[in-house]
Amino acid sequence: MKYPPYTPGRFLSFVATLALVSSLAAQPATTVPAVNNPATTPSTVSTPTPTAKAATPKPPAAPALELPRLKTSGKSDAPRLAPTKITVADLAPQGLAGARTATKQNFNYLVLDAGKAWSRPLRGSPNDTTFVSFLAYASVGTVLDIGGALIEVKPSTKAGYAQVGWVGPKAGSPTPTILGLMKLEKHDGADLVALPVLTLRLDPRAGVWDLFSFHRLVADDVPLPAAKSAREFSIKPGAQGAWVLNLVTSDDNPLFLDTNANGIDDAFEKAQPGNKLLAANATAAQRTQLAQTWKTAQKTANVPAWKIRRPVPDAFVATAPTK
């Protein structure tokens, strides 16, 4: 390998350059004075990142009944009820021994021990037509008294099930009609039936009551006993207790529009021959016949129950979806 010829001038130039670089490296770093400008922040100053305020968790609520005219989500085909026509019952124990408020799966509800009756007054005067909707879990032997209309959870010959029906015969029937067989499941260790959303139409003036399971008419013109005390919703639990999850009373039908207040859906009435509502002065027999026609139509149409969120049985295991 050939090197360039050595010259003194070139060597002295290299030495001078090296000395200058060493001198610059030995000097302290120049400090830039901070500028007092409120519109800017010096790069050497770190500013804390503001933290978002933690959201306050919502307290557990009672399961929503999702009554068509009181829905909390989604659309409804019928006009909503005015708040002045509705009373949502307070489910507090009111100092009753054997009653307590519990929370499960982010739901609040009232727990009643065996035989510990609990009640709430109904809206309206003794002769007013009133609607009572509720959601409850009940053990065998539980009796509900809704303004004189009695519903009972009875033992069944089928293991693991109870039969739910009303006390007292329907007009013209020698025996009470049964609402159906319902499965008993473990809820906090107790064998309870998760009742459907039940709505009663109490008509003291006519002396009858109707029963809806969700929005299906299952009983009509059941004789209503004469009032013996203040009108109220009362539940007396069976041997393994009961839960009350929601209770709503209203002046108008919470299920559908009923302009003539006869307990039958206006839309169904208008679809019948004549295309009009039953007259206000229609006889009880005419109303009963129309109600029976409606019940038959509902069975043919296979009217489904609506979906509601409620506490699930102890055996239910929620599993996260796998990817």
C-alpha atoms as a PDB file:
ATOM      1  CA  MET A   1       0.000   0.000   0.000  1.00  0.00           C
ATOM      2  CA  LYS A   2       1.287   3.455  -0.921  1.00  0.00           C
ATOM      3  CA  TYR A   3       1.060   6.378   1.491  1.00  0.00           C
ATOM      4  CA  PRO A   4       1.100  10.028   0.469  1.00  0.00           C
ATOM      5  CA  PRO A   5       4.417  11.714   0.798  1.00  0.00           C
ATOM      6  CA  TYR A   6       5.144  13.254   4.155  1.00  0.00           C
ATOM      7  CA  THR A   7       5.206  17.032   4.382  1.00  0.00           C
ATOM      8  CA  PRO A   8       5.626  19.172   7.541  1.00  0.00           C
ATOM      9  CA  GLY A   9       2.824  21.542   6.548  1.00  0.00           C
ATOM     10  CA  ARG A  10       0.235  18.807   6.272  1.00  0.00           C
ATOM     11  CA  PHE A  11       1.243  17.373   9.684  1.00  0.00           C
ATOM     12  CA  LEU A  12       0.959  20.752  11.441  1.00  0.00           C
ATOM     13  CA  SER A  13      -2.520  21.284   9.975  1.00  0.00           C
ATOM     14  CA  PHE A  14      -3.701  17.931  11.417  1.00  0.00           C
ATOM     15  CA  VAL A  15      -2.310  18.757  14.872  1.00  0.00           C
ATOM     16  CA  ALA A  16      -4.085  22.125  14.911  1.00  0.00           C
ATOM     17  CA  THR A  17      -7.435  20.582  14.002  1.00  0.00           C
ATOM     18  CA  LEU A  18      -7.102  17.959  16.749  1.00  0.00           C
ATOM     19  CA  ALA A  19      -6.326  20.640  19.335  1.00  0.00           C
ATOM     20  CA  LEU A  20      -9.395  22.672  18.367  1.00  0.00           C
ATOM     21  CA  VAL A  21     -11.753  19.684  18.730  1.00  0.00           C
ATOM     22  CA  SER A  22     -10.297  18.825  22.172  1.00  0.00           C
ATOM     23  CA  SER A  23     -10.729  22.418  23.323  1.00  0.00           C
ATOM     24  CA  LEU A  24     -14.397  22.533  22.321  1.00  0.00           C
ATOM     25  CA  ALA A  25     -15.127  19.236  24.058  1.00  0.00           C
ATOM     26  CA  ALA A  26     -13.620  20.505  27.318  1.00  0.00           C
ATOM     27  CA  GLN A  27     -15.876  23.599  27.489  1.00  0.00           C
ATOM     28  CA  PRO A  28     -19.079  23.484  29.627  1.00  0.00           C
ATOM     29  CA  ALA A  29     -22.438  23.272  27.828  1.00  0.00           C
ATOM     30  CA  THR A  30     -24.023  26.622  27.044  1.00  0.00           C
ATOM     31  CA  THR A  31     -27.144  27.333  29.116  1.00  0.00           C
ATOM     32  CA  VAL A  32     -30.047  28.889  27.217  1.00  0.00           C
ATOM     33  CA  PRO A  33     -32.011  31.340  29.352  1.00  0.00           C
ATOM     34  CA  ALA A  34     -35.678  30.445  29.846  1.00  0.00           C
ATOM     35  CA  VAL A  35     -38.170  32.657  28.086  1.00  0.00           C
ATOM     36  CA  ASN A  36     -41.088  33.874  30.169  1.00  0.00           C
ATOM     37  CA  ASN A  37     -43.833  33.239  27.608  1.00  0.00           C
ATOM     38  CA  PRO A  38     -47.144  32.057  29.042  1.00  0.00           C
ATOM     39  CA  ALA A  39     -48.224  30.806  25.644  1.00  0.00           C
ATOM     40  CA  THR A  40     -45.420  28.251  25.518  1.00  0.00           C
ATOM     41  CA  THR A  41     -43.923  25.765  27.924  1.00  0.00           C
ATOM     42  CA  PRO A  42     -40.107  25.316  27.998  1.00  0.00           C
ATOM     43  CA  SER A  43     -39.107  21.924  26.726  1.00  0.00           C
ATOM     44  CA  THR A  44     -37.088  21.308  29.877  1.00  0.00           C
ATOM     45  CA  VAL A  45     -40.205  21.575  32.126  1.00  0.00           C
ATOM     46  CA  SER A  46     -42.402  18.496  32.456  1.00  0.00           C
ATOM     47  CA  THR A  47     -46.132  19.151  32.915  1.00  0.00           C
ATOM     48  CA  PRO A  48     -48.329  16.573  34.679  1.00  0.00           C
ATOM     49  CA  THR A  49     -50.905  14.898  32.457  1.00  0.00           C
ATOM     50  CA  PRO A  50     -54.408  15.626  33.808  1.00  0.00           C
ATOM     51  CA  THR A  51     -56.138  12.462  34.921  1.00  0.00           C
ATOM     52  CA  ALA A  52     -59.785  11.856  34.067  1.00  0.00           C
ATOM     53  CA  LYS A  53     -62.165  11.888  37.000  1.00  0.00           C
ATOM     54  CA  ALA A  54     -63.141   8.364  37.944  1.00  0.00           C
ATOM     55  CA  ALA A  55     -66.731   7.621  36.996  1.00  0.00           C
ATOM     56  CA  THR A  56     -69.004   6.980  39.931  1.00  0.00           C
ATOM     57  CA  PRO A  57     -70.409   3.463  39.574  1.00  0.00           C
ATOM     58  CA  LYS A  58     -74.168   3.291  39.316  1.00  0.00           C
ATOM     59  CA  PRO A  59     -75.891   1.664  42.285  1.00  0.00           C
ATOM     60  CA  PRO A  60     -77.628  -1.643  41.640  1.00  0.00           C
ATOM     61  CA  ALA A  61     -81.205  -1.253  40.436  1.00  0.00           C
ATOM     62  CA  ALA A  62     -84.318  -3.393  40.387  1.00  0.00           C
ATOM     63  CA  PRO A  63     -84.694  -5.468  37.210  1.00  0.00           C
ATOM     64  CA  ALA A  64     -86.680  -3.471  34.663  1.00  0.00           C
ATOM     65  CA  LEU A  65     -90.070  -5.008  33.868  1.00  0.00           C
ATOM     66  CA  GLU A  66     -89.838  -3.673  30.296  1.00  0.00           C
ATOM     67  CA  LEU A  67     -93.612  -3.232  30.170  1.00  0.00           C
ATOM     68  CA  PRO A  68     -94.410  -2.067  26.602  1.00  0.00           C
ATOM     69  CA  ARG A  69     -95.656   1.361  27.740  1.00  0.00           C
ATOM     70  CA  LEU A  70     -92.905   1.731  30.358  1.00  0.00           C
ATOM     71  CA  LYS A  71     -89.900   0.430  28.440  1.00  0.00           C
ATOM     72  CA  THR A  72     -86.487   1.669  29.507  1.00  0.00           C
ATOM     73  CA  SER A  73     -84.839   0.755  26.198  1.00  0.00           C
ATOM     74  CA  GLY A  74     -85.842   0.192  22.597  1.00  0.00           C
ATOM     75  CA  LYS A  75     -89.008   1.291  20.866  1.00  0.00           C
ATOM     76  CA  SER A  76     -92.615   0.789  21.892  1.00  0.00           C
ATOM     77  CA  ASP A  77     -95.613   0.492  19.609  1.00  0.00           C
ATOM     78  CA  ALA A  78     -97.899   2.138  22.178  1.00  0.00           C
ATOM     79  CA  PRO A  79     -97.659   5.645  23.692  1.00  0.00           C
ATOM     80  CA  ARG A  80     -95.787   5.816  26.973  1.00  0.00           C
ATOM     81  CA  LEU A  81     -97.710   6.228  30.203  1.00  0.00           C
ATOM     82  CA  ALA A  82     -97.509   9.606  31.885  1.00  0.00           C
ATOM     83  CA  PRO A  83     -95.335   9.530  35.051  1.00  0.00           C
ATOM     84  CA  THR A  84     -98.288  10.933  37.030  1.00  0.00           C
ATOM     85  CA  LYS A  85    -100.199   7.702  36.373  1.00  0.00           C
ATOM     86  CA  ILE A  86     -97.515   5.342  37.666  1.00  0.00           C
ATOM     87  CA  THR A  87     -96.196   4.338  41.063  1.00  0.00           C
ATOM     88  CA  VAL A  88     -93.000   2.293  41.338  1.00  0.00           C
ATOM     89  CA  ALA A  89     -93.016   0.692  44.775  1.00  0.00           C
ATOM     90  CA  ASP A  90     -90.191   1.153  47.237  1.00  0.00           C
ATOM     91  CA  LEU A  91     -88.927  -2.344  48.042  1.00  0.00           C
ATOM     92  CA  ALA A  92     -87.507  -1.415  51.450  1.00  0.00           C
ATOM     93  CA  PRO A  93     -88.046  -3.922  54.298  1.00  0.00           C
ATOM     94  CA  GLN A  94     -89.699  -1.187  56.426  1.00  0.00           C
ATOM     95  CA  GLY A  95     -88.304  -2.698  59.593  1.00  0.00           C
ATOM     96  CA  LEU A  96     -90.010  -6.043  59.004  1.00  0.00           C
ATOM     97  CA  ALA A  97     -88.177  -8.867  60.773  1.00  0.00           C
ATOM     98  CA  GLY A  98     -87.155 -11.521  58.271  1.00  0.00           C
ATOM     99  CA  ALA A  99     -87.044  -9.025  55.384  1.00  0.00           C
ATOM    100  CA  ARG A 100     -83.912  -7.487  53.900  1.00  0.00           C
ATOM    101  CA  THR A 101     -82.588  -5.861  50.776  1.00  0.00           C
ATOM    102  CA  ALA A 102     -80.081  -7.931  48.830  1.00  0.00           C
ATOM    103  CA  THR A 103     -77.875  -7.415  45.782  1.00  0.00           C
ATOM    104  CA  LYS A 104     -77.045 -10.089  43.237  1.00  0.00           C
ATOM    105  CA  GLN A 105     -75.581  -9.704  39.755  1.00  0.00           C
ATOM    106  CA  ASN A 106     -75.940  -5.925  40.118  1.00  0.00           C
ATOM    107  CA  PHE A 107     -79.662  -6.129  40.923  1.00  0.00           C
ATOM    108  CA  ASN A 108     -81.335  -4.904  44.087  1.00  0.00           C
ATOM    109  CA  TYR A 109     -84.347  -6.797  45.396  1.00  0.00           C
ATOM    110  CA  LEU A 110     -86.272  -7.614  48.554  1.00  0.00           C
ATOM    111  CA  VAL A 111     -85.707 -10.980  50.244  1.00  0.00           C
ATOM    112  CA  LEU A 112     -88.432 -12.368  52.503  1.00  0.00           C
ATOM    113  CA  ASP A 113     -88.011 -15.314  54.841  1.00  0.00           C
ATOM    114  CA  ALA A 114     -90.694 -17.989  55.160  1.00  0.00           C
ATOM    115  CA  GLY A 115     -94.025 -16.639  56.385  1.00  0.00           C
ATOM    116  CA  LYS A 116     -92.876 -12.990  56.575  1.00  0.00           C
ATOM    117  CA  ALA A 117     -95.704 -11.141  54.797  1.00  0.00           C
ATOM    118  CA  TRP A 118     -94.851  -7.844  53.133  1.00  0.00           C
ATOM    119  CA  SER A 119     -97.257  -5.387  51.501  1.00  0.00           C
ATOM    120  CA  ARG A 120     -97.609  -2.106  49.611  1.00  0.00           C
ATOM    121  CA  PRO A 121    -100.745  -0.004  48.992  1.00  0.00           C
ATOM    122  CA  LEU A 122    -102.278   0.175  45.508  1.00  0.00           C
ATOM    123  CA  ARG A 123    -103.079   3.316  43.579  1.00  0.00           C
ATOM    124  CA  GLY A 124    -106.583   4.699  43.259  1.00  0.00           C
ATOM    125  CA  SER A 125    -109.793   4.525  45.222  1.00  0.00           C
ATOM    126  CA  PRO A 126    -111.559   1.237  46.069  1.00  0.00           C
ATOM    127  CA  ASN A 127    -113.742   1.446  42.940  1.00  0.00           C
ATOM    128  CA  ASP A 128    -111.023   2.486  40.472  1.00  0.00           C
ATOM    129  CA  THR A 129    -109.709   0.137  37.809  1.00  0.00           C
ATOM    130  CA  THR A 130    -106.040  -0.398  38.652  1.00  0.00           C
ATOM    131  CA  PHE A 131    -103.207  -2.272  36.974  1.00  0.00           C
ATOM    132  CA  VAL A 132    -100.576  -4.085  39.050  1.00  0.00           C
ATOM    133  CA  SER A 133     -97.413  -5.446  37.416  1.00  0.00           C
ATOM    134  CA  PHE A 134     -94.699  -7.276  39.318  1.00  0.00           C
ATOM    135  CA  LEU A 135     -91.708  -9.577  39.108  1.00  0.00           C
ATOM    136  CA  ALA A 136     -91.153 -12.083  41.918  1.00  0.00           C
ATOM    137  CA  TYR A 137     -89.386 -15.330  42.776  1.00  0.00           C
ATOM    138  CA  ALA A 138     -91.375 -17.629  45.040  1.00  0.00           C
ATOM    139  CA  SER A 139     -91.091 -20.940  46.846  1.00  0.00           C
ATOM    140  CA  VAL A 140     -93.841 -23.532  47.109  1.00  0.00           C
ATOM    141  CA  GLY A 141     -96.564 -22.300  49.459  1.00  0.00           C
ATOM    142  CA  THR A 142     -96.193 -18.614  48.555  1.00  0.00           C
ATOM    143  CA  VAL A 143     -99.482 -16.701  48.318  1.00  0.00           C
ATOM    144  CA  LEU A 144     -99.861 -13.302  46.658  1.00  0.00           C
ATOM    145  CA  ASP A 145    -102.898 -11.156  47.413  1.00  0.00           C
ATOM    146  CA  ILE A 146    -103.291  -8.358  44.868  1.00  0.00           C
ATOM    147  CA  GLY A 147    -106.286  -6.269  45.866  1.00  0.00           C
ATOM    148  CA  GLY A 148    -108.261  -9.434  46.620  1.00  0.00           C
ATOM    149  CA  ALA A 149    -107.018 -11.463  43.640  1.00  0.00           C
ATOM    150  CA  LEU A 150    -105.074 -14.449  44.954  1.00  0.00           C
ATOM    151  CA  ILE A 151    -102.207 -16.230  43.195  1.00  0.00           C
ATOM    152  CA  GLU A 152    -100.531 -19.240  44.775  1.00  0.00           C
ATOM    153  CA  VAL A 153     -97.437 -21.365  44.128  1.00  0.00           C
ATOM    154  CA  LYS A 154     -98.463 -24.959  44.803  1.00  0.00           C
ATOM    155  CA  PRO A 155     -96.616 -28.284  44.930  1.00  0.00           C
ATOM    156  CA  SER A 156     -96.590 -30.421  41.796  1.00  0.00           C
ATOM    157  CA  THR A 157     -96.475 -34.135  41.164  1.00  0.00           C
ATOM    158  CA  LYS A 158     -93.629 -33.462  38.726  1.00  0.00           C
ATOM    159  CA  ALA A 159     -90.306 -33.431  40.527  1.00  0.00           C
ATOM    160  CA  GLY A 160     -88.472 -30.123  40.424  1.00  0.00           C
ATOM    161  CA  TYR A 161     -91.560 -28.143  39.409  1.00  0.00           C
ATOM    162  CA  ALA A 162     -94.345 -26.169  41.044  1.00  0.00           C
ATOM    163  CA  GLN A 163     -97.755 -25.259  39.693  1.00  0.00           C
ATOM    164  CA  VAL A 164     -98.838 -21.648  39.724  1.00  0.00           C
ATOM    165  CA  GLY A 165    -102.499 -20.709  39.673  1.00  0.00           C
ATOM    166  CA  TRP A 166    -105.101 -18.517  41.262  1.00  0.00           C
ATOM    167  CA  VAL A 167    -107.282 -19.257  44.242  1.00  0.00           C
ATOM    168  CA  GLY A 168    -111.038 -19.305  43.623  1.00  0.00           C
ATOM    169  CA  PRO A 169    -112.857 -20.605  40.548  1.00  0.00           C
ATOM    170  CA  LYS A 170    -113.303 -18.666  37.345  1.00  0.00           C
ATOM    171  CA  ALA A 171    -116.915 -17.723  36.568  1.00  0.00           C
ATOM    172  CA  GLY A 172    -118.677 -20.844  35.280  1.00  0.00           C
ATOM    173  CA  SER A 173    -115.752 -23.136  36.117  1.00  0.00           C
ATOM    174  CA  PRO A 174    -115.856 -25.653  38.999  1.00  0.00           C
ATOM    175  CA  THR A 175    -112.100 -25.574  39.594  1.00  0.00           C
ATOM    176  CA  PRO A 176    -109.403 -22.897  39.455  1.00  0.00           C
ATOM    177  CA  THR A 177    -107.423 -22.612  36.240  1.00  0.00           C
ATOM    178  CA  ILE A 178    -103.688 -23.242  36.543  1.00  0.00           C
ATOM    179  CA  LEU A 179    -101.254 -20.706  35.097  1.00  0.00           C
ATOM    180  CA  GLY A 180     -98.786 -23.513  34.418  1.00  0.00           C
ATOM    181  CA  LEU A 181     -95.968 -25.741  35.652  1.00  0.00           C
ATOM    182  CA  MET A 182     -92.826 -23.781  36.429  1.00  0.00           C
ATOM    183  CA  LYS A 183     -89.352 -25.027  37.212  1.00  0.00           C
ATOM    184  CA  LEU A 184     -87.915 -24.714  40.706  1.00  0.00           C
ATOM    185  CA  GLU A 185     -84.287 -23.598  40.667  1.00  0.00           C
ATOM    186  CA  LYS A 186     -81.702 -22.792  43.299  1.00  0.00           C
ATOM    187  CA  HIS A 187     -81.357 -19.099  44.068  1.00  0.00           C
ATOM    188  CA  ASP A 188     -78.974 -18.444  46.949  1.00  0.00           C
ATOM    189  CA  GLY A 189     -79.656 -22.018  48.035  1.00  0.00           C
ATOM    190  CA  ALA A 190     -83.479 -21.736  48.061  1.00  0.00           C
ATOM    191  CA  ASP A 191     -85.793 -23.564  45.654  1.00  0.00           C
ATOM    192  CA  LEU A 192     -87.657 -20.752  43.905  1.00  0.00           C
ATOM    193  CA  VAL A 193     -89.829 -20.326  40.830  1.00  0.00           C
ATOM    194  CA  ALA A 194     -88.926 -17.322  38.680  1.00  0.00           C
ATOM    195  CA  LEU A 195     -92.408 -16.053  37.876  1.00  0.00           C
ATOM    196  CA  PRO A 196     -93.011 -14.305  34.546  1.00  0.00           C
ATOM    197  CA  VAL A 197     -93.870 -10.614  34.525  1.00  0.00           C
ATOM    198  CA  LEU A 198     -97.482 -10.728  35.725  1.00  0.00           C
ATOM    199  CA  THR A 199     -99.974  -7.897  35.287  1.00  0.00           C
ATOM    200  CA  LEU A 200    -103.405  -7.839  36.883  1.00  0.00           C
ATOM    201  CA  ARG A 201    -106.265  -5.614  35.817  1.00  0.00           C
ATOM    202  CA  LEU A 202    -108.437  -5.062  38.863  1.00  0.00           C
ATOM    203  CA  ASP A 203    -111.970  -3.886  38.074  1.00  0.00           C
ATOM    204  CA  PRO A 204    -113.770  -3.542  41.443  1.00  0.00           C
ATOM    205  CA  ARG A 205    -116.775  -1.834  39.875  1.00  0.00           C
ATOM    206  CA  ALA A 206    -117.470  -4.899  37.701  1.00  0.00           C
ATOM    207  CA  GLY A 207    -116.238  -7.243  40.449  1.00  0.00           C
ATOM    208  CA  VAL A 208    -113.706  -9.055  38.226  1.00  0.00           C
ATOM    209  CA  TRP A 209    -109.998  -9.176  37.466  1.00  0.00           C
ATOM    210  CA  ASP A 210    -107.864 -10.220  34.477  1.00  0.00           C
ATOM    211  CA  LEU A 211    -104.389 -11.747  34.428  1.00  0.00           C
ATOM    212  CA  PHE A 212    -101.649 -11.219  31.856  1.00  0.00           C
ATOM    213  CA  SER A 213     -98.433 -13.247  31.628  1.00  0.00           C
ATOM    214  CA  PHE A 214     -96.053 -10.791  29.984  1.00  0.00           C
ATOM    215  CA  HIS A 215     -98.586  -9.329  27.494  1.00  0.00           C
ATOM    216  CA  ARG A 216    -100.620 -12.496  26.874  1.00  0.00           C
ATOM    217  CA  LEU A 217    -104.108 -12.586  28.389  1.00  0.00           C
ATOM    218  CA  VAL A 218    -104.341 -15.849  30.359  1.00  0.00           C
ATOM    219  CA  ALA A 219    -107.427 -15.230  32.521  1.00  0.00           C
ATOM    220  CA  ASP A 220    -110.356 -12.863  32.268  1.00  0.00           C
ATOM    221  CA  ASP A 221    -113.377 -12.003  34.395  1.00  0.00           C
ATOM    222  CA  VAL A 222    -112.168 -13.931  37.439  1.00  0.00           C
ATOM    223  CA  PRO A 223    -114.547 -13.029  40.329  1.00  0.00           C
ATOM    224  CA  LEU A 224    -113.018 -10.415  42.619  1.00  0.00           C
ATOM    225  CA  PRO A 225    -113.928 -10.877  46.282  1.00  0.00           C
ATOM    226  CA  ALA A 226    -115.415  -7.905  48.071  1.00  0.00           C
ATOM    227  CA  ALA A 227    -112.752  -5.757  49.694  1.00  0.00           C
ATOM    228  CA  LYS A 228    -112.242  -6.628  53.359  1.00  0.00           C
ATOM    229  CA  SER A 229    -109.440  -4.160  54.043  1.00  0.00           C
ATOM    230  CA  ALA A 230    -107.319  -1.502  52.362  1.00  0.00           C
ATOM    231  CA  ARG A 231    -106.366  -2.383  48.800  1.00  0.00           C
ATOM    232  CA  GLU A 232    -102.773  -3.553  48.667  1.00  0.00           C
ATOM    233  CA  PHE A 233    -100.241  -5.872  47.122  1.00  0.00           C
ATOM    234  CA  SER A 234     -99.260  -8.486  49.694  1.00  0.00           C
ATOM    235  CA  ILE A 235     -96.957 -11.482  49.488  1.00  0.00           C
ATOM    236  CA  LYS A 236     -96.615 -14.222  52.097  1.00  0.00           C
ATOM    237  CA  PRO A 237     -93.654 -16.499  51.283  1.00  0.00           C
ATOM    238  CA  GLY A 238     -93.684 -20.280  51.393  1.00  0.00           C
ATOM    239  CA  ALA A 239     -91.276 -22.536  53.281  1.00  0.00           C
ATOM    240  CA  GLN A 240     -88.164 -21.339  51.417  1.00  0.00           C
ATOM    241  CA  GLY A 241     -89.011 -17.655  51.197  1.00  0.00           C
ATOM    242  CA  ALA A 242     -89.597 -15.309  48.286  1.00  0.00           C
ATOM    243  CA  TRP A 243     -88.062 -12.355  46.471  1.00  0.00           C
ATOM    244  CA  VAL A 244     -89.781  -9.230  45.191  1.00  0.00           C
ATOM    245  CA  LEU A 245     -87.787  -7.684  42.354  1.00  0.00           C
ATOM    246  CA  ASN A 246     -90.142  -5.034  41.022  1.00  0.00           C
ATOM    247  CA  LEU A 247     -93.664  -3.734  41.620  1.00  0.00           C
ATOM    248  CA  VAL A 248     -95.481  -1.115  39.534  1.00  0.00           C
ATOM    249  CA  THR A 249     -99.080   0.080  39.841  1.00  0.00           C
ATOM    250  CA  SER A 250    -100.731   2.301  37.254  1.00  0.00           C
ATOM    251  CA  ASP A 251    -104.032   3.942  36.390  1.00  0.00           C
ATOM    252  CA  ASP A 252    -103.895   2.958  32.704  1.00  0.00           C
ATOM    253  CA  ASN A 253    -102.943  -0.272  30.993  1.00  0.00           C
ATOM    254  CA  PRO A 254     -99.108  -0.534  30.861  1.00  0.00           C
ATOM    255  CA  LEU A 255     -99.213  -3.229  28.160  1.00  0.00           C
ATOM    256  CA  PHE A 256    -101.172  -1.683  25.277  1.00  0.00           C
ATOM    257  CA  LEU A 257    -103.458   1.173  24.347  1.00  0.00           C
ATOM    258  CA  ASP A 258    -106.936   0.622  25.785  1.00  0.00           C
ATOM    259  CA  THR A 259    -108.988   3.740  25.059  1.00  0.00           C
ATOM    260  CA  ASN A 260    -112.326   2.302  26.163  1.00  0.00           C
ATOM    261  CA  ALA A 261    -110.781   0.793  29.321  1.00  0.00           C
ATOM    262  CA  ASN A 262    -112.222  -2.688  28.816  1.00  0.00           C
ATOM    263  CA  GLY A 263    -108.930  -4.531  29.183  1.00  0.00           C
ATOM    264  CA  ILE A 264    -108.633  -5.482  25.496  1.00  0.00           C
ATOM    265  CA  ASP A 265    -106.028  -4.167  23.073  1.00  0.00           C
ATOM    266  CA  ASP A 266    -107.490  -1.411  20.885  1.00  0.00           C
ATOM    267  CA  ALA A 267    -105.576  -2.729  17.874  1.00  0.00           C
ATOM    268  CA  PHE A 268    -107.260  -6.125  18.211  1.00  0.00           C
ATOM    269  CA  GLU A 269    -110.721  -4.607  18.646  1.00  0.00           C
ATOM    270  CA  LYS A 270    -110.335  -2.471  15.531  1.00  0.00           C
ATOM    271  CA  ALA A 271    -109.262  -5.543  13.537  1.00  0.00           C
ATOM    272  CA  GLN A 272    -112.607  -7.248  14.248  1.00  0.00           C
ATOM    273  CA  PRO A 273    -115.733  -7.004  12.052  1.00  0.00           C
ATOM    274  CA  GLY A 274    -116.987  -3.439  12.183  1.00  0.00           C
ATOM    275  CA  ASN A 275    -113.472  -2.019  12.591  1.00  0.00           C
ATOM    276  CA  LYS A 276    -114.285  -0.148  15.781  1.00  0.00           C
ATOM    277  CA  LEU A 277    -113.902  -0.302  19.540  1.00  0.00           C
ATOM    278  CA  LEU A 278    -116.457  -2.012  21.705  1.00  0.00           C
ATOM    279  CA  ALA A 279    -119.070   0.500  22.832  1.00  0.00           C
ATOM    280  CA  ALA A 280    -118.812   1.888  26.341  1.00  0.00           C
ATOM    281  CA  ASN A 281    -122.307   0.547  27.101  1.00  0.00           C
ATOM    282  CA  ALA A 282    -121.523  -2.968  25.788  1.00  0.00           C
ATOM    283  CA  THR A 283    -122.754  -5.779  27.989  1.00  0.00           C
ATOM    284  CA  ALA A 284    -120.467  -7.893  30.147  1.00  0.00           C
ATOM    285  CA  ALA A 285    -121.270 -10.856  27.899  1.00  0.00           C
ATOM    286  CA  GLN A 286    -120.080  -8.944  24.818  1.00  0.00           C
ATOM    287  CA  ARG A 287    -116.861  -7.972  26.541  1.00  0.00           C
ATOM    288  CA  THR A 288    -116.274 -11.550  27.729  1.00  0.00           C
ATOM    289  CA  GLN A 289    -116.866 -12.938  24.245  1.00  0.00           C
ATOM    290  CA  LEU A 290    -114.380 -10.485  22.740  1.00  0.00           C
ATOM    291  CA  ALA A 291    -111.792 -11.344  25.414  1.00  0.00           C
ATOM    292  CA  GLN A 292    -112.167 -15.062  24.680  1.00  0.00           C
ATOM    293  CA  THR A 293    -111.722 -14.418  20.963  1.00  0.00           C
ATOM    294  CA  TRP A 294    -108.593 -12.431  21.767  1.00  0.00           C
ATOM    295  CA  LYS A 295    -107.138 -15.216  23.939  1.00  0.00           C
ATOM    296  CA  THR A 296    -107.682 -17.734  21.126  1.00  0.00           C
ATOM    297  CA  ALA A 297    -106.019 -15.383  18.635  1.00  0.00           C
ATOM    298  CA  GLN A 298    -102.998 -14.960  20.924  1.00  0.00           C
ATOM    299  CA  LYS A 299    -102.515 -18.728  21.180  1.00  0.00           C
ATOM    300  CA  THR A 300    -102.741 -19.081  17.405  1.00  0.00           C
ATOM    301  CA  ALA A 301    -100.267 -16.249  16.885  1.00  0.00           C
ATOM    302  CA  ASN A 302     -97.903 -17.785  19.472  1.00  0.00           C
ATOM    303  CA  VAL A 303     -97.310 -14.452  21.213  1.00  0.00           C
ATOM    304  CA  PRO A 304     -93.744 -14.610  22.645  1.00  0.00           C
ATOM    305  CA  ALA A 305     -92.612 -13.299  26.016  1.00  0.00           C
ATOM    306  CA  TRP A 306     -90.363 -10.280  25.915  1.00  0.00           C
ATOM    307  CA  LYS A 307     -86.800 -10.469  27.167  1.00  0.00           C
ATOM    308  CA  ILE A 308     -85.928  -9.069  30.575  1.00  0.00           C
ATOM    309  CA  ARG A 309     -82.752  -9.099  32.658  1.00  0.00           C
ATOM    310  CA  ARG A 310     -83.080 -10.795  36.023  1.00  0.00           C
ATOM    311  CA  PRO A 311     -80.894 -12.718  38.523  1.00  0.00           C
ATOM    312  CA  VAL A 312     -79.957 -16.143  37.191  1.00  0.00           C
ATOM    313  CA  PRO A 313     -79.916 -19.437  39.170  1.00  0.00           C
ATOM    314  CA  ASP A 314     -76.947 -20.505  41.274  1.00  0.00           C
ATOM    315  CA  ALA A 315     -76.061 -23.216  38.747  1.00  0.00           C
ATOM    316  CA  PHE A 316     -75.700 -20.721  35.945  1.00  0.00           C
ATOM    317  CA  VAL A 317     -72.045 -20.165  35.076  1.00  0.00           C
ATOM    318  CA  ALA A 318     -71.245 -17.151  32.956  1.00  0.00           C
ATOM    319  CA  THR A 319     -68.389 -17.955  30.568  1.00  0.00           C
ATOM    320  CA  ALA A 320     -66.499 -15.372  28.580  1.00  0.00           C
ATOM    321  CA  PRO A 321     -66.646 -15.916  24.809  1.00  0.00           C
ATOM    322  CA  THR A 322     -63.478 -17.461  23.404  1.00  0.00           C
ATOM    323  CA  LYS A 323     -61.722 -15.903  20.474  1.00  0.00           C
END
